[in-house]
N, C-alpha and C. Protein backbone atom coordinates (compact mmCIF):
# COMPACT_ATOMS: atom_id res chain seq x y z
N MET A 1 1.91 3.73 -26.30
CA MET A 1 2.52 4.50 -25.21
C MET A 1 1.88 4.08 -23.89
N ASP A 2 2.71 3.82 -22.90
CA ASP A 2 2.24 3.37 -21.59
C ASP A 2 1.88 4.58 -20.71
N HIS A 3 0.62 4.65 -20.29
CA HIS A 3 0.16 5.77 -19.47
C HIS A 3 0.09 5.42 -17.99
N THR A 4 0.57 4.24 -17.62
CA THR A 4 0.54 3.81 -16.23
C THR A 4 1.62 4.56 -15.46
N ILE A 5 1.23 5.14 -14.34
CA ILE A 5 2.21 5.90 -13.55
C ILE A 5 3.00 4.98 -12.63
N MET A 6 4.16 5.44 -12.21
CA MET A 6 4.96 4.77 -11.20
C MET A 6 4.74 5.52 -9.90
N LEU A 7 4.25 4.82 -8.88
CA LEU A 7 4.04 5.47 -7.59
C LEU A 7 5.39 5.78 -6.95
N SER A 8 5.48 6.93 -6.33
CA SER A 8 6.72 7.28 -5.62
C SER A 8 6.70 6.62 -4.25
N ARG A 9 7.86 6.56 -3.63
CA ARG A 9 7.94 6.01 -2.28
C ARG A 9 7.11 6.85 -1.30
N TYR A 10 7.06 8.15 -1.55
CA TYR A 10 6.25 9.04 -0.71
C TYR A 10 4.77 8.67 -0.81
N GLU A 11 4.30 8.46 -2.02
CA GLU A 11 2.89 8.10 -2.21
C GLU A 11 2.57 6.76 -1.55
N ILE A 12 3.47 5.81 -1.69
CA ILE A 12 3.26 4.50 -1.07
C ILE A 12 3.26 4.62 0.45
N ALA A 13 4.19 5.39 1.01
CA ALA A 13 4.23 5.59 2.46
C ALA A 13 2.94 6.24 2.95
N ARG A 14 2.44 7.20 2.20
CA ARG A 14 1.19 7.88 2.56
C ARG A 14 0.01 6.89 2.54
N LEU A 15 -0.06 6.06 1.51
CA LEU A 15 -1.12 5.06 1.41
C LEU A 15 -1.05 4.06 2.55
N ILE A 16 0.15 3.59 2.84
CA ILE A 16 0.32 2.63 3.94
C ILE A 16 -0.08 3.26 5.26
N GLY A 17 0.34 4.50 5.50
CA GLY A 17 0.00 5.18 6.74
C GLY A 17 -1.49 5.38 6.92
N LEU A 18 -2.16 5.82 5.86
CA LEU A 18 -3.61 6.03 5.95
C LEU A 18 -4.35 4.71 6.16
N ARG A 19 -3.94 3.67 5.43
CA ARG A 19 -4.61 2.37 5.57
C ARG A 19 -4.32 1.76 6.94
N ALA A 20 -3.11 1.91 7.45
CA ALA A 20 -2.77 1.38 8.78
C ALA A 20 -3.62 2.05 9.85
N LEU A 21 -3.88 3.34 9.70
CA LEU A 21 -4.74 4.04 10.65
C LEU A 21 -6.16 3.47 10.60
N GLN A 22 -6.66 3.20 9.41
CA GLN A 22 -7.99 2.60 9.29
C GLN A 22 -8.04 1.24 9.98
N ILE A 23 -7.01 0.43 9.78
CA ILE A 23 -6.95 -0.90 10.40
C ILE A 23 -6.88 -0.77 11.92
N GLU A 24 -6.06 0.15 12.38
CA GLU A 24 -5.92 0.38 13.83
C GLU A 24 -7.25 0.80 14.46
N GLU A 25 -8.07 1.52 13.70
CA GLU A 25 -9.36 1.99 14.20
C GLU A 25 -10.48 0.97 14.00
N GLY A 26 -10.12 -0.24 13.53
CA GLY A 26 -11.11 -1.31 13.47
C GLY A 26 -11.53 -1.79 12.10
N SER A 27 -11.01 -1.23 11.04
CA SER A 27 -11.35 -1.69 9.70
C SER A 27 -10.81 -3.10 9.49
N ALA A 28 -11.58 -3.93 8.82
CA ALA A 28 -11.15 -5.31 8.55
C ALA A 28 -10.05 -5.33 7.49
N PRO A 29 -9.01 -6.11 7.72
CA PRO A 29 -7.93 -6.23 6.72
C PRO A 29 -8.43 -6.90 5.45
N PHE A 30 -7.82 -6.56 4.32
CA PHE A 30 -8.16 -7.16 3.04
C PHE A 30 -7.29 -8.37 2.71
N VAL A 31 -6.36 -8.70 3.60
CA VAL A 31 -5.49 -9.86 3.40
C VAL A 31 -5.57 -10.76 4.63
N GLN A 32 -5.33 -12.04 4.41
CA GLN A 32 -5.28 -13.00 5.50
C GLN A 32 -3.82 -13.20 5.90
N MET A 33 -3.54 -12.99 7.18
CA MET A 33 -2.18 -13.18 7.68
C MET A 33 -2.25 -14.05 8.93
N VAL A 34 -1.34 -15.00 9.02
CA VAL A 34 -1.29 -15.88 10.18
C VAL A 34 -0.45 -15.23 11.26
N GLY A 35 -0.99 -15.13 12.46
CA GLY A 35 -0.27 -14.51 13.57
C GLY A 35 -0.70 -13.07 13.78
N ALA A 36 -0.05 -12.44 14.71
CA ALA A 36 -0.36 -11.04 15.05
C ALA A 36 0.65 -10.13 14.35
N TYR A 37 0.14 -9.19 13.59
CA TYR A 37 0.99 -8.25 12.87
C TYR A 37 0.54 -6.83 13.13
N SER A 38 1.46 -5.90 13.00
CA SER A 38 1.14 -4.49 13.19
C SER A 38 0.27 -4.00 12.04
N PRO A 39 -0.53 -2.96 12.29
CA PRO A 39 -1.33 -2.38 11.20
C PRO A 39 -0.48 -1.93 10.01
N ILE A 40 0.74 -1.47 10.27
CA ILE A 40 1.62 -1.05 9.18
C ILE A 40 2.01 -2.24 8.32
N ARG A 41 2.32 -3.35 8.94
CA ARG A 41 2.69 -4.57 8.20
C ARG A 41 1.51 -5.07 7.37
N ILE A 42 0.31 -5.04 7.95
CA ILE A 42 -0.89 -5.49 7.24
C ILE A 42 -1.17 -4.57 6.05
N ALA A 43 -1.11 -3.27 6.28
CA ALA A 43 -1.36 -2.31 5.19
C ALA A 43 -0.31 -2.46 4.09
N SER A 44 0.93 -2.71 4.45
CA SER A 44 1.99 -2.91 3.46
C SER A 44 1.71 -4.13 2.60
N GLN A 45 1.25 -5.19 3.24
CA GLN A 45 0.93 -6.41 2.50
C GLN A 45 -0.26 -6.17 1.57
N GLU A 46 -1.23 -5.39 2.03
CA GLU A 46 -2.38 -5.06 1.19
C GLU A 46 -1.94 -4.29 -0.06
N ILE A 47 -1.01 -3.37 0.11
CA ILE A 47 -0.48 -2.61 -1.03
C ILE A 47 0.23 -3.56 -1.99
N LEU A 48 1.08 -4.41 -1.44
CA LEU A 48 1.86 -5.33 -2.26
C LEU A 48 0.95 -6.27 -3.06
N GLU A 49 -0.14 -6.73 -2.45
CA GLU A 49 -1.06 -7.64 -3.13
C GLU A 49 -2.13 -6.91 -3.94
N ARG A 50 -2.02 -5.58 -4.01
CA ARG A 50 -2.96 -4.75 -4.78
C ARG A 50 -4.41 -4.93 -4.32
N LYS A 51 -4.60 -4.97 -3.03
CA LYS A 51 -5.94 -5.11 -2.45
C LYS A 51 -6.59 -3.75 -2.16
N ILE A 52 -5.81 -2.69 -2.22
CA ILE A 52 -6.32 -1.36 -1.90
C ILE A 52 -6.63 -0.63 -3.21
N ASP A 53 -7.85 -0.11 -3.30
CA ASP A 53 -8.22 0.67 -4.47
C ASP A 53 -8.35 2.12 -4.04
N ALA A 54 -7.36 2.89 -4.37
CA ALA A 54 -7.33 4.32 -4.03
C ALA A 54 -6.89 5.08 -5.27
N LEU A 55 -7.04 6.37 -5.21
CA LEU A 55 -6.64 7.22 -6.33
C LEU A 55 -5.53 8.16 -5.89
N VAL A 56 -4.57 8.37 -6.78
CA VAL A 56 -3.50 9.32 -6.56
C VAL A 56 -3.72 10.47 -7.54
N ASN A 57 -3.68 11.70 -7.01
CA ASN A 57 -3.89 12.89 -7.82
C ASN A 57 -2.54 13.47 -8.22
N ARG A 58 -2.32 13.53 -9.51
CA ARG A 58 -1.10 14.15 -10.04
C ARG A 58 -1.51 15.22 -11.03
N GLY A 59 -1.39 16.46 -10.61
CA GLY A 59 -1.70 17.57 -11.49
C GLY A 59 -3.14 17.61 -11.96
N GLY A 60 -4.05 17.21 -11.10
CA GLY A 60 -5.46 17.22 -11.44
C GLY A 60 -5.93 15.97 -12.17
N VAL A 61 -5.02 15.04 -12.43
CA VAL A 61 -5.38 13.77 -13.07
C VAL A 61 -5.29 12.68 -12.02
N TYR A 62 -6.36 11.88 -11.90
CA TYR A 62 -6.41 10.82 -10.90
C TYR A 62 -6.00 9.49 -11.53
N HIS A 63 -5.14 8.77 -10.81
CA HIS A 63 -4.63 7.48 -11.25
C HIS A 63 -4.96 6.43 -10.19
N SER A 64 -5.41 5.26 -10.63
CA SER A 64 -5.74 4.18 -9.71
C SER A 64 -4.47 3.53 -9.17
N VAL A 65 -4.46 3.25 -7.89
CA VAL A 65 -3.33 2.58 -7.25
C VAL A 65 -3.24 1.13 -7.72
N LYS A 66 -4.38 0.52 -8.00
CA LYS A 66 -4.38 -0.89 -8.44
C LYS A 66 -3.67 -1.08 -9.78
N THR A 67 -3.71 -0.08 -10.65
CA THR A 67 -3.09 -0.24 -11.96
C THR A 67 -1.73 0.45 -12.06
N ALA A 68 -1.34 1.15 -11.02
CA ALA A 68 -0.04 1.85 -11.03
C ALA A 68 1.10 0.86 -10.89
N ARG A 69 2.26 1.27 -11.37
CA ARG A 69 3.46 0.47 -11.18
C ARG A 69 4.08 0.86 -9.84
N TYR A 70 4.73 -0.10 -9.21
CA TYR A 70 5.37 0.13 -7.91
C TYR A 70 6.89 0.09 -8.09
N PRO A 71 7.61 0.77 -7.20
CA PRO A 71 9.07 0.67 -7.26
C PRO A 71 9.50 -0.79 -7.14
N ILE A 72 10.55 -1.16 -7.82
CA ILE A 72 10.98 -2.55 -7.87
C ILE A 72 11.35 -3.11 -6.50
N ASP A 73 11.74 -2.24 -5.59
CA ASP A 73 12.16 -2.70 -4.26
C ASP A 73 11.03 -2.71 -3.23
N LEU A 74 9.78 -2.51 -3.65
CA LEU A 74 8.68 -2.49 -2.69
C LEU A 74 8.51 -3.83 -1.99
N ASP A 75 8.62 -4.93 -2.72
CA ASP A 75 8.47 -6.23 -2.09
C ASP A 75 9.58 -6.50 -1.08
N ILE A 76 10.77 -5.99 -1.34
CA ILE A 76 11.87 -6.13 -0.39
C ILE A 76 11.55 -5.35 0.89
N LEU A 77 11.07 -4.13 0.75
CA LEU A 77 10.69 -3.31 1.90
C LEU A 77 9.63 -4.01 2.74
N VAL A 78 8.58 -4.49 2.09
CA VAL A 78 7.48 -5.13 2.81
C VAL A 78 7.95 -6.40 3.51
N ASN A 79 8.78 -7.17 2.86
CA ASN A 79 9.22 -8.44 3.45
C ASN A 79 10.30 -8.28 4.51
N THR A 80 10.82 -7.08 4.70
CA THR A 80 11.82 -6.88 5.74
C THR A 80 11.28 -6.08 6.93
N LEU A 81 9.99 -5.78 6.92
CA LEU A 81 9.40 -5.09 8.07
C LEU A 81 9.49 -5.99 9.29
N ASN A 82 9.83 -5.41 10.41
CA ASN A 82 9.97 -6.16 11.65
C ASN A 82 8.83 -5.79 12.59
N ASP A 83 8.12 -6.78 13.09
CA ASP A 83 6.97 -6.55 13.98
C ASP A 83 7.35 -6.71 15.45
N THR A 84 8.51 -6.25 15.83
CA THR A 84 8.89 -6.37 17.23
C THR A 84 8.51 -5.13 17.99
């Protein structure tokens, strides 16, 4: 039986928002990107590459973000972000 959780879009948005705030406040990115990108784009790429180790609490049980499954369309969302 597979006990790996699927992160919801809400949980992913929350993780991206919190990590983007950290980057905006001076935290070093965990991914290398060529050019200037917004903190949201950098945080999204970090999520996609599983560079962020955070825990999601579901009913008192904590699940690692690194081992969680992501929605199938997450890579499409990340790759269509516009930095204008």
